[in-house]
């Protein structure tokens, strides 16, 4: 067991963990450990490196407000640039020095007597820290589909979240399972290389046109020399994204026509891209826009119209050593199977590690037995000195950075109060947590999740109980303002 007591342990070296470390430094905390099971920083943008990877939120919005990047090559930057941006921020704000890679956290337990968190690492080491931050993200546990016979497949299986750059798909007969955001990006890229591609779709996705544009070197120089110009562009992308999510999803009761208009744009995009009526029918969602994460692409539909690309919607019966048998009895012979099957959000990710708070309360067990909940999407009763980023009712807007930065503001106010009182611990009260949960539930009553037709969406936004507690159903602006005015009495400071 380590004898050194740290100020904080942050689990996860993605953009959330980096943001938390920067905020700790701003508050004067320097003894920090950022631990990550991967071999480098960046989280999702380190792990994911599949062909065609890009952001599906404008890069001007998908970045820290306090650290704009004038050098994006496009409005929707490729994934490699997000990785480079993570490295730049970590180096500029000098938080890379805290990072320990290839380090697996097995669990964390609150020591009531010592008022510290004991964080157990694989290999037997234990870190002691005043504060614990869970920064593991929502999408950190890749899902492998439970399909009969998958273990017998004799060809190559490649998961999108574990891409093997050394494996060439040139001339291969391939299949891809999954048409979520990852699948939509992968299909056009795969279609360029393989001799034959079969796309297995369980649920159609809303695909919107992508109004992308490149930034020339002259534009990049302008952004670098005149940051206000990029700020102005960001205000436009921020405002549009926030307005659309708030109105089309959270204010569905009052603004149903806006939701319908968004769906109509998606429908027109599909109509103009796919002339075959039967193929278009298979690609048409039968659930409302916003029930499942929509995506942007100008190439996905077109790729599906190519003669060597086939869309299968009958469902998979089983996988055999040399191919896939659909439920209608047809078989596709393949030598490569690509899995774009997403991530396990609920069963093994909330939380991603075992966390034991006061009186032996197990966070994962408590959430599953008492509903998923976290005050302001940040703290949980009976878990003193703990912050959780990818938590219930935390995700606001469509950019993860919106969530990270409002949580940094929450940290600023909360830790400021802790320091002013010369206190050692904070813990949100049961009453404050219950009040916030009820506020979120009341807001969701007006949302597309409750009033729309979402039954067939099969969205990871919904848990096994049919609830959708990932999102904070407010505007980004509202979430940010709340961090400056939540009652400090909602916390027990001792």
Protein backbone atom coordinates (compact mmCIF):
# COMPACT_ATOMS: atom_id res chain seq x y z
CA UNK A 1 0.00 0.00 0.00
CA UNK A 2 1.27 3.45 -0.91
CA UNK A 3 2.01 5.62 2.13
CA UNK A 4 1.78 8.87 0.17
CA UNK A 5 -1.57 10.63 0.33
CA UNK A 6 -2.52 12.37 -2.87
CA UNK A 7 -4.85 15.29 -3.28
CA UNK A 8 -6.82 13.43 -5.95
CA UNK A 9 -6.99 10.31 -8.05
CA UNK A 10 -8.63 10.73 -11.45
CA UNK A 11 -9.68 7.53 -13.19
CA UNK A 12 -9.43 8.15 -16.93
CA UNK A 13 -7.09 10.24 -19.09
CA UNK A 14 -9.59 11.41 -21.68
CA UNK A 15 -10.89 14.93 -22.08
CA UNK A 16 -12.92 14.64 -18.87
CA UNK A 17 -9.94 13.57 -16.77
CA UNK A 18 -7.74 16.23 -18.37
CA UNK A 19 -10.32 18.91 -17.61
CA UNK A 20 -10.66 17.78 -13.99
CA UNK A 21 -6.88 17.86 -13.52
CA UNK A 22 -6.68 21.38 -14.96
CA UNK A 23 -9.40 22.52 -12.56
CA UNK A 24 -7.65 20.90 -9.59
CA UNK A 25 -4.49 22.79 -10.52
CA UNK A 26 -6.43 26.05 -10.73
CA UNK A 27 -7.63 25.42 -7.19
CA UNK A 28 -4.11 24.80 -5.94
CA UNK A 29 -4.10 21.00 -5.80
CA UNK A 30 -0.87 19.58 -7.26
CA UNK A 31 -0.54 16.03 -5.88
CA UNK A 32 -2.65 14.24 -8.44
CA UNK A 33 -2.60 10.85 -10.14
CA UNK A 34 -4.45 10.29 -13.42
CA UNK A 35 -4.65 6.56 -14.04
CA UNK A 36 -5.72 4.93 -17.28
CA UNK A 37 -5.77 1.34 -18.49
CA UNK A 38 -4.68 2.35 -22.01
CA UNK A 39 -1.11 3.12 -23.08
CA UNK A 40 -1.66 6.81 -23.80
CA UNK A 41 -4.01 9.71 -23.18
CA UNK A 42 -7.08 10.74 -25.16
CA UNK A 43 -9.73 8.25 -24.03
CA UNK A 44 -12.17 7.59 -26.86
CA UNK A 45 -9.93 9.43 -29.30
CA UNK A 46 -6.96 7.24 -28.45
CA UNK A 47 -8.81 3.94 -28.47
CA UNK A 48 -10.82 4.58 -31.63
CA UNK A 49 -8.74 4.81 -34.80
CA UNK A 50 -10.91 3.07 -37.36
CA UNK A 51 -11.05 4.27 -41.00
CA UNK A 52 -13.36 7.23 -41.55
CA UNK A 53 -13.35 8.33 -37.89
CA UNK A 54 -14.45 11.94 -37.47
CA UNK A 55 -16.34 14.02 -34.95
CA UNK A 56 -20.08 14.31 -35.54
CA UNK A 57 -20.27 17.64 -33.71
CA UNK A 58 -18.58 20.74 -35.20
CA UNK A 59 -14.98 20.84 -34.00
CA UNK A 60 -15.40 24.46 -32.93
CA UNK A 61 -17.97 23.20 -30.41
CA UNK A 62 -16.25 19.90 -29.70
CA UNK A 63 -13.34 21.50 -27.81
CA UNK A 64 -12.67 23.36 -24.57
CA UNK A 65 -13.91 26.93 -24.46
CA UNK A 66 -10.75 27.95 -22.60
CA UNK A 67 -8.46 26.34 -25.21
CA UNK A 68 -9.68 26.96 -28.76
CA UNK A 69 -7.82 25.19 -31.53
CA UNK A 70 -7.29 27.39 -34.59
CA UNK A 71 -5.74 24.53 -36.57
CA UNK A 72 -8.68 22.20 -37.21
CA UNK A 73 -8.43 21.09 -40.83
CA UNK A 74 -12.20 20.87 -41.19
CA UNK A 75 -15.38 21.90 -39.42
CA UNK A 76 -15.81 18.19 -38.63
CA UNK A 77 -12.23 17.19 -37.88
CA UNK A 78 -10.88 13.65 -38.36
CA UNK A 79 -10.26 11.61 -35.23
CA UNK A 80 -6.48 11.89 -35.40
CA UNK A 81 -6.78 15.65 -34.85
CA UNK A 82 -8.80 15.10 -31.66
CA UNK A 83 -6.00 12.88 -30.39
CA UNK A 84 -3.46 15.59 -31.23
CA UNK A 85 -5.63 18.18 -29.51
CA UNK A 86 -5.72 16.06 -26.32
CA UNK A 87 -1.93 15.84 -26.37
CA UNK A 88 -1.62 19.59 -26.93
CA UNK A 89 -3.93 20.45 -24.00
CA UNK A 90 -2.24 17.98 -21.64
CA UNK A 91 1.17 19.40 -22.46
CA UNK A 92 0.19 23.08 -22.41
CA UNK A 93 -1.50 22.77 -19.02
CA UNK A 94 1.23 20.43 -17.73
CA UNK A 95 -1.04 17.61 -16.60
CA UNK A 96 0.67 14.80 -18.52
CA UNK A 97 3.09 14.54 -15.58
CA UNK A 98 0.27 13.12 -13.46
CA UNK A 99 -0.61 10.32 -15.85
CA UNK A 100 0.03 6.63 -15.26
CA UNK A 101 -0.80 4.43 -18.24
CA UNK A 102 -1.34 0.67 -18.52
CA UNK A 103 -2.80 0.96 -15.03
CA UNK A 104 -6.02 -0.89 -14.29
CA UNK A 105 -8.16 0.31 -11.39
CA UNK A 106 -9.93 -2.59 -9.69
CA UNK A 107 -12.00 -0.54 -7.27
CA UNK A 108 -12.20 2.35 -4.82
CA UNK A 109 -13.36 2.42 -1.20
CA UNK A 110 -13.98 5.31 1.18
CA UNK A 111 -12.06 4.99 4.44
CA UNK A 112 -14.32 6.70 6.96
CA UNK A 113 -11.77 6.87 9.75
CA UNK A 114 -8.98 8.40 7.66
CA UNK A 115 -11.39 10.36 5.43
CA UNK A 116 -9.57 9.24 2.28
CA UNK A 117 -10.29 7.20 -0.81
CA UNK A 118 -8.38 3.95 -1.17
CA UNK A 119 -8.01 3.19 -4.88
CA UNK A 120 -6.93 -0.39 -5.59
CA UNK A 121 -4.81 -1.03 -8.68
CA UNK A 122 -4.19 -4.33 -10.44
CA UNK A 123 -0.95 -5.72 -9.09
CA UNK A 124 -1.71 -4.89 -5.48
CA UNK A 125 -0.85 -1.20 -5.16
CA UNK A 126 -3.29 1.09 -3.36
CA UNK A 127 -3.43 4.85 -3.85
CA UNK A 128 -4.67 7.09 -1.02
CA UNK A 129 -6.36 10.34 -1.99
CA UNK A 130 -8.61 13.02 -0.49
CA UNK A 131 -10.67 13.22 -3.66
CA UNK A 132 -11.77 10.72 -6.29
CA UNK A 133 -12.91 11.61 -9.80
CA UNK A 134 -14.51 9.01 -12.04
CA UNK A 135 -13.64 10.18 -15.56
CA UNK A 136 -14.09 6.93 -17.46
CA UNK A 137 -16.61 8.27 -19.98
CA UNK A 138 -19.87 6.73 -21.14
CA UNK A 139 -18.28 4.82 -24.02
CA UNK A 140 -15.37 2.89 -22.55
CA UNK A 141 -16.56 -0.73 -22.46
CA UNK A 142 -16.78 -2.16 -26.02
CA UNK A 143 -19.72 -4.48 -26.60
CA UNK A 144 -19.25 -7.81 -28.36
CA UNK A 145 -22.58 -9.17 -29.64
CA UNK A 146 -23.85 -12.43 -28.21
CA UNK A 147 -24.54 -14.16 -31.52
CA UNK A 148 -24.62 -17.97 -31.75
CA UNK A 149 -21.51 -19.32 -33.41
CA UNK A 150 -19.43 -16.14 -33.32
CA UNK A 151 -16.66 -18.00 -31.51
CA UNK A 152 -16.47 -20.50 -34.41
CA UNK A 153 -15.82 -17.91 -37.11
CA UNK A 154 -12.61 -18.91 -38.88
CA UNK A 155 -11.90 -15.54 -40.48
CA UNK A 156 -10.72 -12.30 -38.93
CA UNK A 157 -12.90 -10.40 -36.41
CA UNK A 158 -12.12 -6.71 -35.96
CA UNK A 159 -13.91 -4.53 -33.38
CA UNK A 160 -14.17 -0.87 -34.29
CA UNK A 161 -12.87 0.09 -30.84
CA UNK A 162 -9.84 -2.20 -31.25
CA UNK A 163 -8.90 -1.49 -34.83
CA UNK A 164 -5.87 -3.29 -36.27
CA UNK A 165 -4.13 -0.98 -38.74
CA UNK A 166 -1.83 -3.77 -39.85
CA UNK A 167 -4.71 -5.84 -41.24
CA UNK A 168 -5.49 -5.04 -44.87
CA UNK A 169 -9.10 -5.24 -46.05
CA UNK A 170 -8.09 -4.91 -49.68
CA UNK A 171 -10.13 -7.35 -51.76
CA UNK A 172 -11.75 -9.02 -48.74
CA UNK A 173 -15.32 -10.31 -48.52
CA UNK A 174 -16.41 -8.48 -45.39
CA UNK A 175 -19.45 -7.96 -43.22
CA UNK A 176 -20.10 -5.24 -40.70
CA UNK A 177 -22.59 -5.55 -37.85
CA UNK A 178 -24.01 -2.25 -36.64
CA UNK A 179 -25.24 0.96 -38.24
CA UNK A 180 -24.91 3.41 -35.40
CA UNK A 181 -22.61 6.43 -35.58
CA UNK A 182 -19.52 4.23 -35.89
CA UNK A 183 -21.03 2.02 -38.57
CA UNK A 184 -22.16 5.04 -40.57
CA UNK A 185 -18.55 6.29 -40.66
CA UNK A 186 -17.03 2.87 -41.31
CA UNK A 187 -19.24 1.63 -44.14
CA UNK A 188 -18.11 4.16 -46.79
CA UNK A 189 -14.45 3.60 -45.83
CA UNK A 190 -14.77 -0.19 -45.99
CA UNK A 191 -16.62 -0.02 -49.30
CA UNK A 192 -13.57 1.62 -50.85
CA UNK A 193 -11.33 -1.38 -50.08
CA UNK A 194 -13.30 -4.62 -49.94
CA UNK A 195 -14.49 -6.65 -52.90
CA UNK A 196 -17.84 -7.28 -51.23
CA UNK A 197 -19.46 -5.77 -48.14
CA UNK A 198 -22.59 -6.89 -46.33
CA UNK A 199 -24.05 -4.42 -43.83
CA UNK A 200 -26.17 -6.00 -41.07
CA UNK A 201 -28.64 -3.45 -39.75
CA UNK A 202 -30.84 -4.09 -36.75
CA UNK A 203 -32.30 -0.59 -36.40
CA UNK A 204 -32.16 2.22 -38.99
CA UNK A 205 -30.53 5.42 -37.83
CA UNK A 206 -31.47 9.02 -38.57
CA UNK A 207 -28.72 10.23 -40.91
CA UNK A 208 -28.61 13.97 -41.52
CA UNK A 209 -26.74 15.84 -44.25
CA UNK A 210 -23.28 16.97 -43.22
CA UNK A 211 -22.59 20.63 -43.95
CA UNK A 212 -18.84 20.30 -43.72
CA UNK A 213 -16.11 22.62 -44.94
CA UNK A 214 -12.34 22.68 -44.91
CA UNK A 215 -10.26 25.37 -43.20
CA UNK A 216 -7.48 26.62 -45.44
CA UNK A 217 -4.07 27.55 -44.02
CA UNK A 218 -5.08 31.20 -44.43
CA UNK A 219 -8.22 30.61 -42.35
CA UNK A 220 -6.19 28.81 -39.69
CA UNK A 221 -3.75 31.71 -39.52
CA UNK A 222 -6.67 34.11 -39.17
CA UNK A 223 -8.08 32.06 -36.26
CA UNK A 224 -4.64 31.98 -34.62
CA UNK A 225 -4.00 35.72 -34.99
CA UNK A 226 -7.57 36.84 -34.36
CA UNK A 227 -9.14 34.40 -31.85
CA UNK A 228 -12.34 36.46 -31.83
CA UNK A 229 -13.04 35.27 -35.38
CA UNK A 230 -13.04 31.65 -34.29
CA UNK A 231 -15.02 32.56 -31.17
CA UNK A 232 -17.68 34.05 -33.42
CA UNK A 233 -17.86 30.85 -35.45
CA UNK A 234 -18.03 28.86 -32.25
CA UNK A 235 -20.88 30.95 -30.93
CA UNK A 236 -22.77 30.04 -34.11
CA UNK A 237 -22.12 26.29 -33.89
CA UNK A 238 -22.71 26.26 -30.11
CA UNK A 239 -25.96 28.17 -30.43
CA UNK A 240 -27.32 26.05 -33.27
CA UNK A 241 -26.47 22.73 -31.58
CA UNK A 242 -27.89 23.82 -28.22
CA UNK A 243 -31.06 25.22 -29.76
CA UNK A 244 -31.77 22.12 -31.84
CA UNK A 245 -31.21 19.67 -28.99
CA UNK A 246 -33.22 21.74 -26.51
CA UNK A 247 -36.15 22.42 -28.82
CA UNK A 248 -36.31 19.18 -30.82
CA UNK A 249 -35.66 16.82 -27.89
CA UNK A 250 -36.30 18.43 -24.50
CA UNK A 251 -39.18 20.76 -25.42
CA UNK A 252 -40.92 18.20 -27.63
CA UNK A 253 -44.32 18.88 -26.06
CA UNK A 254 -44.31 22.51 -27.25
CA UNK A 255 -42.11 22.27 -30.32
CA UNK A 256 -43.14 19.01 -31.93
CA UNK A 257 -43.14 20.67 -35.39
CA UNK A 258 -39.41 21.40 -35.02
CA UNK A 259 -38.79 17.72 -34.38
CA UNK A 260 -40.90 16.86 -37.41
CA UNK A 261 -38.92 19.37 -39.49
CA UNK A 262 -35.63 17.74 -38.49
CA UNK A 263 -37.07 14.36 -39.44
CA UNK A 264 -38.19 15.79 -42.78
CA UNK A 265 -34.65 17.01 -43.49
CA UNK A 266 -33.36 13.52 -42.75
CA UNK A 267 -36.05 12.05 -45.00
CA UNK A 268 -35.18 14.38 -47.87
CA UNK A 269 -31.50 13.53 -47.49
CA UNK A 270 -32.36 9.84 -47.70
CA UNK A 271 -34.63 10.37 -50.72
CA UNK A 272 -31.99 12.30 -52.66
CA UNK A 273 -29.26 9.78 -51.83
CA UNK A 274 -31.11 6.49 -52.34
CA UNK A 275 -33.31 6.13 -55.42
CA UNK A 276 -34.20 2.48 -54.84
CA UNK A 277 -37.55 2.48 -53.00
CA UNK A 278 -37.05 -0.85 -51.23
CA UNK A 279 -33.58 0.07 -50.01
CA UNK A 280 -34.88 3.46 -48.88
CA UNK A 281 -37.70 1.78 -46.97
CA UNK A 282 -35.23 -0.43 -45.10
CA UNK A 283 -33.21 2.62 -44.15
CA UNK A 284 -36.18 4.61 -42.85
CA UNK A 285 -36.45 4.78 -39.02
CA UNK A 286 -39.87 3.98 -37.55
CA UNK A 287 -39.19 5.97 -34.38
CA UNK A 288 -39.11 9.72 -33.76
CA UNK A 289 -36.07 11.84 -34.41
CA UNK A 290 -34.08 12.25 -31.17
CA UNK A 291 -34.96 8.91 -29.58
CA UNK A 292 -31.58 7.60 -30.65
CA UNK A 293 -28.42 9.53 -31.37
CA UNK A 294 -28.66 10.81 -34.95
CA UNK A 295 -25.55 11.12 -37.05
CA UNK A 296 -24.23 13.09 -40.01
CA UNK A 297 -22.96 11.70 -43.30
CA UNK A 298 -22.99 12.53 -46.98
CA UNK A 299 -21.45 9.19 -47.96
CA UNK A 300 -23.22 6.45 -45.96
CA UNK A 301 -26.37 6.22 -48.07
CA UNK A 302 -24.38 6.49 -51.30
CA UNK A 303 -22.10 3.64 -50.22
CA UNK A 304 -25.13 1.40 -49.74
CA UNK A 305 -26.18 1.96 -53.35
CA UNK A 306 -22.94 0.52 -54.72
CA UNK A 307 -23.33 -2.87 -56.46
CA UNK A 308 -20.85 -4.67 -54.18
CA UNK A 309 -22.49 -3.39 -50.97
CA UNK A 310 -25.54 -5.24 -49.59
CA UNK A 311 -27.88 -4.25 -46.76
CA UNK A 312 -29.29 -7.11 -44.66
CA UNK A 313 -32.18 -6.39 -42.30
CA UNK A 314 -33.66 -9.85 -41.69
CA UNK A 315 -31.57 -10.34 -38.55
CA UNK A 316 -28.75 -12.77 -37.85
CA UNK A 317 -29.60 -16.38 -37.04
CA UNK A 318 -26.04 -17.61 -36.47
CA UNK A 319 -22.43 -17.22 -37.51
CA UNK A 320 -20.64 -20.13 -39.14
CA UNK A 321 -16.90 -20.57 -39.72
CA UNK A 322 -17.16 -19.17 -43.23
CA UNK A 323 -20.09 -16.79 -43.10
CA UNK A 324 -23.29 -15.41 -41.60
CA UNK A 325 -26.74 -17.00 -41.83
CA UNK A 326 -29.69 -14.61 -41.68
CA UNK A 327 -33.06 -15.44 -40.13
CA UNK A 328 -34.58 -15.74 -43.59
CA UNK A 329 -32.17 -18.63 -44.32
CA UNK A 330 -29.84 -16.76 -46.65
CA UNK A 331 -26.09 -16.99 -46.12
CA UNK A 332 -23.26 -14.60 -46.91
CA UNK A 333 -19.77 -16.08 -47.25
CA UNK A 334 -17.21 -13.75 -45.65
CA UNK A 335 -13.61 -13.79 -44.52
CA UNK A 336 -13.68 -10.65 -42.35
CA UNK A 337 -16.21 -9.62 -39.71
CA UNK A 338 -16.21 -6.00 -38.50
CA UNK A 339 -18.05 -5.23 -35.27
CA UNK A 340 -19.49 -1.73 -34.97
CA UNK A 341 -21.65 -2.84 -32.08
CA UNK A 342 -21.01 0.05 -29.75
CA UNK A 343 -20.43 0.03 -26.03
CA UNK A 344 -21.96 -1.40 -22.89
CA UNK A 345 -23.17 1.74 -21.13
CA UNK A 346 -25.36 0.31 -18.38
CA UNK A 347 -24.21 -3.09 -17.16
CA UNK A 348 -20.45 -2.64 -16.86
CA UNK A 349 -19.91 1.09 -17.20
CA UNK A 350 -22.06 2.96 -14.69
CA UNK A 351 -19.78 2.90 -12.82
CA UNK A 352 -16.85 1.38 -14.75
CA UNK A 353 -15.19 0.26 -11.50
CA UNK A 354 -16.54 -0.92 -8.16
CA UNK A 355 -16.96 2.06 -5.85
CA UNK A 356 -17.82 1.64 -2.16
CA UNK A 357 -18.86 4.73 -0.21
CA UNK A 358 -19.91 5.35 3.37
CA UNK A 359 -21.52 2.50 5.30
CA UNK A 360 -20.51 0.07 2.56
CA UNK A 361 -22.82 1.55 -0.08
CA UNK A 362 -21.97 0.06 -3.48
CA UNK A 363 -22.49 2.72 -6.13
CA UNK A 364 -23.44 0.40 -8.99
CA UNK A 365 -25.78 -1.66 -6.83
CA UNK A 366 -27.38 1.44 -5.33
CA UNK A 367 -27.98 2.98 -8.75
CA UNK A 368 -29.61 -0.17 -10.05
CA UNK A 369 -31.85 -0.59 -7.02
CA UNK A 370 -32.74 3.09 -6.46
CA UNK A 371 -32.66 4.59 -9.98
CA UNK A 372 -29.68 6.21 -11.62
CA UNK A 373 -29.14 9.63 -10.06
CA UNK A 374 -26.43 12.18 -9.35
CA UNK A 375 -26.82 15.72 -8.05
CA UNK A 376 -26.10 18.18 -10.86
CA UNK A 377 -24.73 15.14 -12.68
CA UNK A 378 -21.62 15.32 -10.48
CA UNK A 379 -22.01 14.05 -6.90
CA UNK A 380 -23.85 11.26 -5.09
CA UNK A 381 -25.03 10.99 -1.45
CA UNK A 382 -22.96 8.69 0.76
CA UNK A 383 -19.92 9.14 -1.50
CA UNK A 384 -17.94 11.95 0.15
CA UNK A 385 -15.23 13.77 -1.80
CA UNK A 386 -16.20 11.96 -5.02
CA UNK A 387 -17.06 13.45 -8.39
CA UNK A 388 -18.46 11.40 -11.23
CA UNK A 389 -18.37 12.83 -14.74
CA UNK A 390 -20.08 10.31 -17.02
CA UNK A 391 -22.98 9.96 -14.63
CA UNK A 392 -26.78 10.09 -14.58
CA UNK A 393 -28.22 13.42 -15.80
CA UNK A 394 -24.76 14.77 -16.62
CA UNK A 395 -24.62 14.75 -20.42
CA UNK A 396 -25.79 18.12 -21.71
CA UNK A 397 -25.87 19.21 -25.33
CA UNK A 398 -24.20 16.98 -27.92
CA UNK A 399 -20.59 17.91 -27.20
CA UNK A 400 -18.89 16.10 -24.33
CA UNK A 401 -16.94 19.30 -23.66
CA UNK A 402 -20.16 21.05 -22.63
CA UNK A 403 -20.50 18.51 -19.83
CA UNK A 404 -16.85 18.63 -18.80
CA UNK A 405 -16.76 22.41 -18.59
CA UNK A 406 -19.96 22.86 -16.60
CA UNK A 407 -18.62 20.24 -14.19
CA UNK A 408 -15.36 22.18 -13.92
CA UNK A 409 -17.43 25.21 -12.90
CA UNK A 410 -19.18 23.08 -10.28
CA UNK A 411 -15.77 22.00 -8.96
CA UNK A 412 -14.62 25.61 -8.80
CA UNK A 413 -17.54 26.67 -6.60
CA UNK A 414 -17.63 23.54 -4.46
CA UNK A 415 -13.90 23.38 -3.74
CA UNK A 416 -13.80 27.11 -3.19
CA UNK A 417 -16.35 26.68 -0.39
CA UNK A 418 -14.38 23.74 1.01
CA UNK A 419 -11.22 25.84 1.14
CA UNK A 420 -12.94 28.90 2.63
CA UNK A 421 -14.19 26.72 5.48
CA UNK A 422 -10.86 24.98 5.97
CA UNK A 423 -12.83 21.75 5.68
CA UNK A 424 -11.76 18.26 4.66
CA UNK A 425 -14.87 16.69 3.17
CA UNK A 426 -17.96 17.48 1.13
CA UNK A 427 -21.03 15.34 0.55
CA UNK A 428 -24.26 16.19 -1.19
CA UNK A 429 -27.31 15.76 1.01
CA UNK A 430 -29.99 13.18 0.34
CA UNK A 431 -32.59 15.95 0.19
CA UNK A 432 -30.72 17.97 -2.44
CA UNK A 433 -30.10 14.89 -4.53
CA UNK A 434 -33.78 13.87 -4.38
CA UNK A 435 -34.86 17.39 -5.35
CA UNK A 436 -32.54 17.47 -8.34
CA UNK A 437 -33.67 14.02 -9.48
CA UNK A 438 -37.31 15.10 -9.36
CA UNK A 439 -36.48 18.24 -11.36
CA UNK A 440 -34.88 16.11 -14.06
CA UNK A 441 -37.80 13.67 -14.14
CA UNK A 442 -40.27 16.54 -14.44
CA UNK A 443 -38.30 18.02 -17.34
CA UNK A 444 -38.18 14.66 -19.10
CA UNK A 445 -41.98 14.60 -19.09
CA UNK A 446 -41.83 17.20 -21.88
CA UNK A 447 -39.17 15.36 -23.90
CA UNK A 448 -39.27 13.18 -26.97
CA UNK A 449 -38.16 10.32 -24.71
CA UNK A 450 -41.51 10.39 -22.88
CA UNK A 451 -43.88 11.83 -25.49
CA UNK A 452 -42.40 10.57 -28.73
CA UNK A 453 -42.45 7.16 -30.35
CA UNK A 454 -39.19 5.65 -29.10
CA UNK A 455 -40.26 2.04 -28.52
CA UNK A 456 -38.39 0.61 -31.51
CA UNK A 457 -35.29 2.80 -31.32
CA UNK A 458 -33.13 0.35 -29.34
CA UNK A 459 -31.15 3.32 -28.14
CA UNK A 460 -28.33 3.02 -25.61
CA UNK A 461 -29.75 6.22 -24.14
CA UNK A 462 -32.39 4.01 -22.46
CA UNK A 463 -31.58 1.53 -19.70
CA UNK A 464 -33.20 -1.87 -19.16
CA UNK A 465 -36.02 -0.23 -17.18
CA UNK A 466 -36.94 2.00 -20.10
CA UNK A 467 -35.61 5.13 -18.40
CA UNK A 468 -33.29 7.64 -20.08
CA UNK A 469 -31.16 9.06 -17.26
CA UNK A 470 -27.98 9.90 -19.17
CA UNK A 471 -28.98 13.36 -20.34
CA UNK A 472 -29.54 16.51 -18.39
CA UNK A 473 -32.69 17.65 -20.26
CA UNK A 474 -31.84 21.36 -20.27
CA UNK A 475 -29.94 23.74 -22.49
CA UNK A 476 -26.19 24.00 -22.08
CA UNK A 477 -26.64 27.62 -21.07
CA UNK A 478 -28.97 26.62 -18.22
CA UNK A 479 -26.61 23.90 -17.01
CA UNK A 480 -23.69 26.32 -16.93
CA UNK A 481 -25.63 29.02 -15.08
CA UNK A 482 -26.80 26.53 -12.45
CA UNK A 483 -23.21 25.86 -11.42
CA UNK A 484 -22.89 29.46 -10.27
CA UNK A 485 -26.06 29.44 -8.19
CA UNK A 486 -26.73 25.98 -6.76
CA UNK A 487 -27.25 26.31 -2.99
CA UNK A 488 -24.03 25.57 -1.17
CA UNK A 489 -26.27 24.30 1.62
CA UNK A 490 -26.97 21.32 -0.65
CA UNK A 491 -23.62 20.03 0.59
CA UNK A 492 -22.48 18.97 4.02
CA UNK A 493 -19.05 20.57 4.40
CA UNK A 494 -16.99 19.21 7.29
